[in-house]
Amino acid sequence: MAKRYELPDAAWELIADLVSPEQKMGRPRSDDRLMLNGILWIMCSGAAWRDLPERFSPWSTVYQRFRDWRDDGTFDRVL
């Protein structure tokens, strides 16, 4: 069962391919689902990025992923 502001498994399965493409090279990325749940926590709670709970990874990592997905159109594809 998903916690407040987090995606349930069924919803993640629908968008996993859009949000989490296969990585072939480079340093392993932080878990995309965890990053998305952190973004949703910020958007739904209205808190500042620096107030993101530590369970989602450092706030700066989550914020960078938010900016990357915003800029490359990932959120548009999900919607």
PDB file of N, CA and C in Angstrom:
ATOM      1  N   MET A   1       0.837  -1.173   0.000  1.00  0.00           N
ATOM      2  CA  MET A   1       0.000   0.000   0.000  1.00  0.00           C
ATOM      3  C   MET A   1       0.889   1.246   0.000  1.00  0.00           C
ATOM      4  N   ALA A   2       0.558   2.182  -0.853  1.00  0.00           N
ATOM      5  CA  ALA A   2       1.352   3.406  -0.976  1.00  0.00           C
ATOM      6  C   ALA A   2       1.044   4.351   0.181  1.00  0.00           C
ATOM      7  N   LYS A   3       2.061   5.087   0.593  1.00  0.00           N
ATOM      8  CA  LYS A   3       1.880   6.090   1.629  1.00  0.00           C
ATOM      9  C   LYS A   3       1.232   7.327   1.011  1.00  0.00           C
ATOM     10  N   ARG A   4       0.915   8.285   1.854  1.00  0.00           N
ATOM     11  CA  ARG A   4       0.307   9.521   1.378  1.00  0.00           C
ATOM     12  C   ARG A   4       1.201  10.180   0.336  1.00  0.00           C
ATOM     13  N   TYR A   5       0.599  10.635  -0.740  1.00  0.00           N
ATOM     14  CA  TYR A   5       1.257  11.340  -1.849  1.00  0.00           C
ATOM     15  C   TYR A   5       2.183  10.454  -2.679  1.00  0.00           C
ATOM     16  N   GLU A   6       2.118   9.150  -2.519  1.00  0.00           N
ATOM     17  CA  GLU A   6       2.981   8.268  -3.295  1.00  0.00           C
ATOM     18  C   GLU A   6       2.154   7.443  -4.281  1.00  0.00           C
ATOM     19  N   LEU A   7       2.775   7.083  -5.392  1.00  0.00           N
ATOM     20  CA  LEU A   7       2.089   6.311  -6.422  1.00  0.00           C
ATOM     21  C   LEU A   7       1.911   4.857  -6.003  1.00  0.00           C
ATOM     22  N   PRO A   8       0.714   4.319  -6.193  1.00  0.00           N
ATOM     23  CA  PRO A   8       0.535   2.881  -5.963  1.00  0.00           C
ATOM     24  C   PRO A   8       1.200   2.088  -7.096  1.00  0.00           C
ATOM     25  N   ASP A   9       1.383   0.805  -6.888  1.00  0.00           N
ATOM     26  CA  ASP A   9       2.066  -0.048  -7.861  1.00  0.00           C
ATOM     27  C   ASP A   9       1.400  -0.006  -9.237  1.00  0.00           C
ATOM     28  N   ALA A  10       0.081  -0.042  -9.292  1.00  0.00           N
ATOM     29  CA  ALA A  10      -0.632  -0.054 -10.575  1.00  0.00           C
ATOM     30  C   ALA A  10      -0.355   1.217 -11.369  1.00  0.00           C
ATOM     31  N   ALA A  11      -0.327   2.356 -10.706  1.00  0.00           N
ATOM     32  CA  ALA A  11      -0.050   3.621 -11.393  1.00  0.00           C
ATOM     33  C   ALA A  11       1.403   3.663 -11.877  1.00  0.00           C
ATOM     34  N   TRP A  12       2.328   3.160 -11.063  1.00  0.00           N
ATOM     35  CA  TRP A  12       3.735   3.152 -11.462  1.00  0.00           C
ATOM     36  C   TRP A  12       3.936   2.299 -12.709  1.00  0.00           C
ATOM     37  N   GLU A  13       3.275   1.151 -12.787  1.00  0.00           N
ATOM     38  CA  GLU A  13       3.419   0.267 -13.941  1.00  0.00           C
ATOM     39  C   GLU A  13       2.987   0.956 -15.234  1.00  0.00           C
ATOM     40  N   LEU A  14       2.008   1.846 -15.153  1.00  0.00           N
ATOM     41  CA  LEU A  14       1.523   2.548 -16.342  1.00  0.00           C
ATOM     42  C   LEU A  14       2.542   3.556 -16.882  1.00  0.00           C
ATOM     43  N   ILE A  15       3.331   4.159 -16.013  1.00  0.00           N
ATOM     44  CA  ILE A  15       4.229   5.224 -16.451  1.00  0.00           C
ATOM     45  C   ILE A  15       5.708   4.876 -16.331  1.00  0.00           C
ATOM     46  N   ALA A  16       6.037   3.715 -15.844  1.00  0.00           N
ATOM     47  CA  ALA A  16       7.437   3.359 -15.593  1.00  0.00           C
ATOM     48  C   ALA A  16       8.314   3.499 -16.834  1.00  0.00           C
ATOM     49  N   ASP A  17       7.816   3.106 -18.001  1.00  0.00           N
ATOM     50  CA  ASP A  17       8.614   3.187 -19.222  1.00  0.00           C
ATOM     51  C   ASP A  17       8.879   4.633 -19.636  1.00  0.00           C
ATOM     52  N   LEU A  18       7.963   5.528 -19.322  1.00  0.00           N
ATOM     53  CA  LEU A  18       8.125   6.937 -19.683  1.00  0.00           C
ATOM     54  C   LEU A  18       9.088   7.658 -18.750  1.00  0.00           C
ATOM     55  N   VAL A  19       9.033   7.292 -17.478  1.00  0.00           N
ATOM     56  CA  VAL A  19       9.807   7.986 -16.459  1.00  0.00           C
ATOM     57  C   VAL A  19      11.167   7.358 -16.236  1.00  0.00           C
ATOM     58  N   SER A  20      11.268   6.075 -16.446  1.00  0.00           N
ATOM     59  CA  SER A  20      12.490   5.358 -16.115  1.00  0.00           C
ATOM     60  C   SER A  20      13.028   4.578 -17.316  1.00  0.00           C
ATOM     61  N   PRO A  21      13.626   5.280 -18.308  1.00  0.00           N
ATOM     62  CA  PRO A  21      14.176   4.563 -19.463  1.00  0.00           C
ATOM     63  C   PRO A  21      15.384   3.722 -19.068  1.00  0.00           C
ATOM     64  N   GLU A  22      15.668   2.727 -19.868  1.00  0.00           N
ATOM     65  CA  GLU A  22      16.817   1.863 -19.599  1.00  0.00           C
ATOM     66  C   GLU A  22      18.103   2.663 -19.737  1.00  0.00           C
ATOM     67  N   GLN A  23      18.987   2.506 -18.780  1.00  0.00           N
ATOM     68  CA  GLN A  23      20.264   3.215 -18.795  1.00  0.00           C
ATOM     69  C   GLN A  23      21.352   2.269 -19.271  1.00  0.00           C
ATOM     70  N   LYS A  24      22.116   2.700 -20.259  1.00  0.00           N
ATOM     71  CA  LYS A  24      23.137   1.837 -20.835  1.00  0.00           C
ATOM     72  C   LYS A  24      24.537   2.153 -20.330  1.00  0.00           C
ATOM     73  N   MET A  25      24.780   3.402 -19.988  1.00  0.00           N
ATOM     74  CA  MET A  25      26.123   3.805 -19.596  1.00  0.00           C
ATOM     75  C   MET A  25      26.055   4.747 -18.405  1.00  0.00           C
ATOM     76  N   GLY A  26      27.198   4.948 -17.795  1.00  0.00           N
ATOM     77  CA  GLY A  26      27.301   5.946 -16.741  1.00  0.00           C
ATOM     78  C   GLY A  26      26.986   5.414 -15.359  1.00  0.00           C
ATOM     79  N   ARG A  27      26.980   6.340 -14.467  1.00  0.00           N
ATOM     80  CA  ARG A  27      26.715   6.042 -13.067  1.00  0.00           C
ATOM     81  C   ARG A  27      25.244   5.658 -12.871  1.00  0.00           C
ATOM     82  N   PRO A  28      24.972   4.656 -12.060  1.00  0.00           N
ATOM     83  CA  PRO A  28      23.570   4.264 -11.841  1.00  0.00           C
ATOM     84  C   PRO A  28      22.754   5.425 -11.271  1.00  0.00           C
ATOM     85  N   ARG A  29      21.571   5.610 -11.824  1.00  0.00           N
ATOM     86  CA  ARG A  29      20.686   6.683 -11.374  1.00  0.00           C
ATOM     87  C   ARG A  29      20.026   6.301 -10.057  1.00  0.00           C
ATOM     88  N   SER A  30      19.626   7.325  -9.330  1.00  0.00           N
ATOM     89  CA  SER A  30      18.798   7.092  -8.145  1.00  0.00           C
ATOM     90  C   SER A  30      17.464   6.534  -8.617  1.00  0.00           C
ATOM     91  N   ASP A  31      16.796   5.799  -7.771  1.00  0.00           N
ATOM     92  CA  ASP A  31      15.538   5.149  -8.115  1.00  0.00           C
ATOM     93  C   ASP A  31      14.527   6.181  -8.615  1.00  0.00           C
ATOM     94  N   ASP A  32      14.055   5.994  -9.849  1.00  0.00           N
ATOM     95  CA  ASP A  32      13.121   6.952 -10.453  1.00  0.00           C
ATOM     96  C   ASP A  32      11.783   7.005  -9.725  1.00  0.00           C
ATOM     97  N   ARG A  33      11.326   5.873  -9.239  1.00  0.00           N
ATOM     98  CA  ARG A  33      10.053   5.875  -8.511  1.00  0.00           C
ATOM     99  C   ARG A  33      10.174   6.672  -7.212  1.00  0.00           C
ATOM    100  N   LEU A  34      11.274   6.499  -6.523  1.00  0.00           N
ATOM    101  CA  LEU A  34      11.510   7.247  -5.299  1.00  0.00           C
ATOM    102  C   LEU A  34      11.579   8.746  -5.595  1.00  0.00           C
ATOM    103  N   MET A  35      12.256   9.105  -6.686  1.00  0.00           N
ATOM    104  CA  MET A  35      12.347  10.513  -7.082  1.00  0.00           C
ATOM    105  C   MET A  35      10.957  11.077  -7.385  1.00  0.00           C
ATOM    106  N   LEU A  36      10.147  10.320  -8.128  1.00  0.00           N
ATOM    107  CA  LEU A  36       8.803  10.783  -8.472  1.00  0.00           C
ATOM    108  C   LEU A  36       7.937  10.917  -7.225  1.00  0.00           C
ATOM    109  N   ASN A  37       8.065   9.980  -6.305  1.00  0.00           N
ATOM    110  CA  ASN A  37       7.305  10.090  -5.059  1.00  0.00           C
ATOM    111  C   ASN A  37       7.733  11.321  -4.257  1.00  0.00           C
ATOM    112  N   GLY A  38       9.012  11.642  -4.278  1.00  0.00           N
ATOM    113  CA  GLY A  38       9.486  12.855  -3.617  1.00  0.00           C
ATOM    114  C   GLY A  38       8.920  14.109  -4.266  1.00  0.00           C
ATOM    115  N   ILE A  39       8.880  14.117  -5.592  1.00  0.00           N
ATOM    116  CA  ILE A  39       8.300  15.255  -6.312  1.00  0.00           C
ATOM    117  C   ILE A  39       6.829  15.398  -5.970  1.00  0.00           C
ATOM    118  N   LEU A  40       6.112  14.283  -5.967  1.00  0.00           N
ATOM    119  CA  LEU A  40       4.682  14.333  -5.622  1.00  0.00           C
ATOM    120  C   LEU A  40       4.478  14.811  -4.187  1.00  0.00           C
ATOM    121  N   TRP A  41       5.360  14.410  -3.289  1.00  0.00           N
ATOM    122  CA  TRP A  41       5.249  14.846  -1.901  1.00  0.00           C
ATOM    123  C   TRP A  41       5.368  16.356  -1.813  1.00  0.00           C
ATOM    124  N   ILE A  42       6.320  16.927  -2.530  1.00  0.00           N
ATOM    125  CA  ILE A  42       6.505  18.380  -2.535  1.00  0.00           C
ATOM    126  C   ILE A  42       5.300  19.071  -3.149  1.00  0.00           C
ATOM    127  N   MET A  43       4.847  18.596  -4.300  1.00  0.00           N
ATOM    128  CA  MET A  43       3.740  19.248  -5.007  1.00  0.00           C
ATOM    129  C   MET A  43       2.432  19.178  -4.203  1.00  0.00           C
ATOM    130  N   CYS A  44       2.187  18.053  -3.574  1.00  0.00           N
ATOM    131  CA  CYS A  44       0.926  17.892  -2.832  1.00  0.00           C
ATOM    132  C   CYS A  44       0.954  18.554  -1.462  1.00  0.00           C
ATOM    133  N   SER A  45       2.095  18.566  -0.827  1.00  0.00           N
ATOM    134  CA  SER A  45       2.171  19.123   0.529  1.00  0.00           C
ATOM    135  C   SER A  45       2.368  20.630   0.525  1.00  0.00           C
ATOM    136  N   GLY A  46       2.942  21.150  -0.555  1.00  0.00           N
ATOM    137  CA  GLY A  46       3.214  22.577  -0.617  1.00  0.00           C
ATOM    138  C   GLY A  46       4.447  22.988   0.161  1.00  0.00           C
ATOM    139  N   ALA A  47       5.228  22.037   0.583  1.00  0.00           N
ATOM    140  CA  ALA A  47       6.439  22.333   1.356  1.00  0.00           C
ATOM    141  C   ALA A  47       7.546  22.836   0.440  1.00  0.00           C
ATOM    142  N   ALA A  48       8.553  23.437   1.034  1.00  0.00           N
ATOM    143  CA  ALA A  48       9.738  23.863   0.296  1.00  0.00           C
ATOM    144  C   ALA A  48      10.595  22.638  -0.019  1.00  0.00           C
ATOM    145  N   TRP A  49      11.388  22.735  -1.086  1.00  0.00           N
ATOM    146  CA  TRP A  49      12.234  21.609  -1.474  1.00  0.00           C
ATOM    147  C   TRP A  49      13.145  21.166  -0.332  1.00  0.00           C
ATOM    148  N   ARG A  50      13.671  22.099   0.408  1.00  0.00           N
ATOM    149  CA  ARG A  50      14.596  21.751   1.495  1.00  0.00           C
ATOM    150  C   ARG A  50      13.908  21.021   2.649  1.00  0.00           C
ATOM    151  N   ASP A  51      12.584  21.020   2.672  1.00  0.00           N
ATOM    152  CA  ASP A  51      11.835  20.322   3.718  1.00  0.00           C
ATOM    153  C   ASP A  51      11.456  18.894   3.323  1.00  0.00           C
ATOM    154  N   LEU A  52      11.936  18.440   2.179  1.00  0.00           N
ATOM    155  CA  LEU A  52      11.645  17.087   1.716  1.00  0.00           C
ATOM    156  C   LEU A  52      12.185  16.074   2.719  1.00  0.00           C
ATOM    157  N   PRO A  53      11.372  15.107   3.155  1.00  0.00           N
ATOM    158  CA  PRO A  53      11.871  14.084   4.097  1.00  0.00           C
ATOM    159  C   PRO A  53      13.063  13.311   3.514  1.00  0.00           C
ATOM    160  N   GLU A  54      13.973  12.940   4.364  1.00  0.00           N
ATOM    161  CA  GLU A  54      15.204  12.267   3.943  1.00  0.00           C
ATOM    162  C   GLU A  54      14.962  10.924   3.274  1.00  0.00           C
ATOM    163  N   ARG A  55      13.811  10.304   3.511  1.00  0.00           N
ATOM    164  CA  ARG A  55      13.551   8.990   2.912  1.00  0.00           C
ATOM    165  C   ARG A  55      13.488   9.047   1.386  1.00  0.00           C
ATOM    166  N   PHE A  56      13.325  10.249   0.815  1.00  0.00           N
ATOM    167  CA  PHE A  56      13.239  10.405  -0.632  1.00  0.00           C
ATOM    168  C   PHE A  56      14.591  10.686  -1.282  1.00  0.00           C
ATOM    169  N   SER A  57      15.652  10.719  -0.559  1.00  0.00           N
ATOM    170  CA  SER A  57      16.995  11.086  -1.027  1.00  0.00           C
ATOM    171  C   SER A  57      17.214  12.566  -0.760  1.00  0.00           C
ATOM    172  N   PRO A  58      18.415  13.067  -1.001  1.00  0.00           N
ATOM    173  CA  PRO A  58      18.662  14.493  -0.764  1.00  0.00           C
ATOM    174  C   PRO A  58      17.725  15.361  -1.606  1.00  0.00           C
ATOM    175  N   TRP A  59      17.268  16.451  -1.034  1.00  0.00           N
ATOM    176  CA  TRP A  59      16.314  17.309  -1.734  1.00  0.00           C
ATOM    177  C   TRP A  59      16.887  17.819  -3.046  1.00  0.00           C
ATOM    178  N   SER A  60      18.189  18.058  -3.096  1.00  0.00           N
ATOM    179  CA  SER A  60      18.795  18.598  -4.317  1.00  0.00           C
ATOM    180  C   SER A  60      18.755  17.581  -5.462  1.00  0.00           C
ATOM    181  N   THR A  61      18.868  16.300  -5.144  1.00  0.00           N
ATOM    182  CA  THR A  61      18.782  15.259  -6.164  1.00  0.00           C
ATOM    183  C   THR A  61      17.375  15.178  -6.725  1.00  0.00           C
ATOM    184  N   VAL A  62      16.388  15.217  -5.843  1.00  0.00           N
ATOM    185  CA  VAL A  62      14.993  15.156  -6.275  1.00  0.00           C
ATOM    186  C   VAL A  62      14.646  16.399  -7.095  1.00  0.00           C
ATOM    187  N   TYR A  63      15.117  17.555  -6.659  1.00  0.00           N
ATOM    188  CA  TYR A  63      14.854  18.793  -7.384  1.00  0.00           C
ATOM    189  C   TYR A  63      15.496  18.770  -8.768  1.00  0.00           C
ATOM    190  N   GLN A  64      16.704  18.250  -8.870  1.00  0.00           N
ATOM    191  CA  GLN A  64      17.366  18.151 -10.177  1.00  0.00           C
ATOM    192  C   GLN A  64      16.595  17.219 -11.105  1.00  0.00           C
ATOM    193  N   ARG A  65      16.109  16.105 -10.589  1.00  0.00           N
ATOM    194  CA  ARG A  65      15.326  15.185 -11.418  1.00  0.00           C
ATOM    195  C   ARG A  65      14.034  15.856 -11.867  1.00  0.00           C
ATOM    196  N   PHE A  66      13.388  16.623 -10.967  1.00  0.00           N
ATOM    197  CA  PHE A  66      12.190  17.378 -11.333  1.00  0.00           C
ATOM    198  C   PHE A  66      12.500  18.327 -12.492  1.00  0.00           C
ATOM    199  N   ARG A  67      13.607  19.052 -12.401  1.00  0.00           N
ATOM    200  CA  ARG A  67      13.978  20.001 -13.458  1.00  0.00           C
ATOM    201  C   ARG A  67      14.283  19.273 -14.765  1.00  0.00           C
ATOM    202  N   ASP A  68      14.972  18.141 -14.676  1.00  0.00           N
ATOM    203  CA  ASP A  68      15.283  17.377 -15.890  1.00  0.00           C
ATOM    204  C   ASP A  68      14.002  16.914 -16.574  1.00  0.00           C
ATOM    205  N   TRP A  69      13.080  16.324 -15.800  1.00  0.00           N
ATOM    206  CA  TRP A  69      11.830  15.820 -16.373  1.00  0.00           C
ATOM    207  C   TRP A  69      10.954  16.955 -16.886  1.00  0.00           C
ATOM    208  N   ARG A  70      10.962  18.089 -16.217  1.00  0.00           N
ATOM    209  CA  ARG A  70      10.197  19.249 -16.675  1.00  0.00           C
ATOM    210  C   ARG A  70      10.747  19.740 -18.008  1.00  0.00           C
ATOM    211  N   ASP A  71      12.062  19.857 -18.081  1.00  0.00           N
ATOM    212  CA  ASP A  71      12.700  20.423 -19.270  1.00  0.00           C
ATOM    213  C   ASP A  71      12.670  19.491 -20.476  1.00  0.00           C
ATOM    214  N   ASP A  72      12.743  18.171 -20.255  1.00  0.00           N
ATOM    215  CA  ASP A  72      12.773  17.252 -21.404  1.00  0.00           C
ATOM    216  C   ASP A  72      11.386  16.751 -21.822  1.00  0.00           C
ATOM    217  N   GLY A  73      10.333  17.230 -21.163  1.00  0.00           N
ATOM    218  CA  GLY A  73       8.972  16.890 -21.569  1.00  0.00           C
ATOM    219  C   GLY A  73       8.439  15.593 -20.988  1.00  0.00           C
ATOM    220  N   THR A  74       9.127  15.019 -20.025  1.00  0.00           N
ATOM    221  CA  THR A  74       8.657  13.761 -19.433  1.00  0.00           C
ATOM    222  C   THR A  74       7.279  13.919 -18.806  1.00  0.00           C
ATOM    223  N   PHE A  75       7.061  15.010 -18.076  1.00  0.00           N
ATOM    224  CA  PHE A  75       5.752  15.203 -17.455  1.00  0.00           C
ATOM    225  C   PHE A  75       4.649  15.358 -18.495  1.00  0.00           C
ATOM    226  N   ASP A  76       4.946  16.001 -19.611  1.00  0.00           N
ATOM    227  CA  ASP A  76       3.965  16.128 -20.695  1.00  0.00           C
ATOM    228  C   ASP A  76       3.601  14.758 -21.247  1.00  0.00           C
ATOM    229  N   ARG A  77       4.595  13.888 -21.428  1.00  0.00           N
ATOM    230  CA  ARG A  77       4.325  12.538 -21.949  1.00  0.00           C
ATOM    231  C   ARG A  77       3.512  11.717 -20.957  1.00  0.00           C
ATOM    232  N   VAL A  78       3.784  11.874 -19.671  1.00  0.00           N
ATOM    233  CA  VAL A  78       3.040  11.133 -18.656  1.00  0.00           C
ATOM    234  C   VAL A  78       1.569  11.561 -18.660  1.00  0.00           C
ATOM    235  N   LEU A  79       1.348  12.853 -18.748  1.00  0.00           N
ATOM    236  CA  LEU A  79      -0.041  13.345 -18.758  1.00  0.00           C
ATOM    237  C   LEU A  79      -0.729  13.031 -20.051  1.00  0.00           C
TER     238      LEU A  79
END
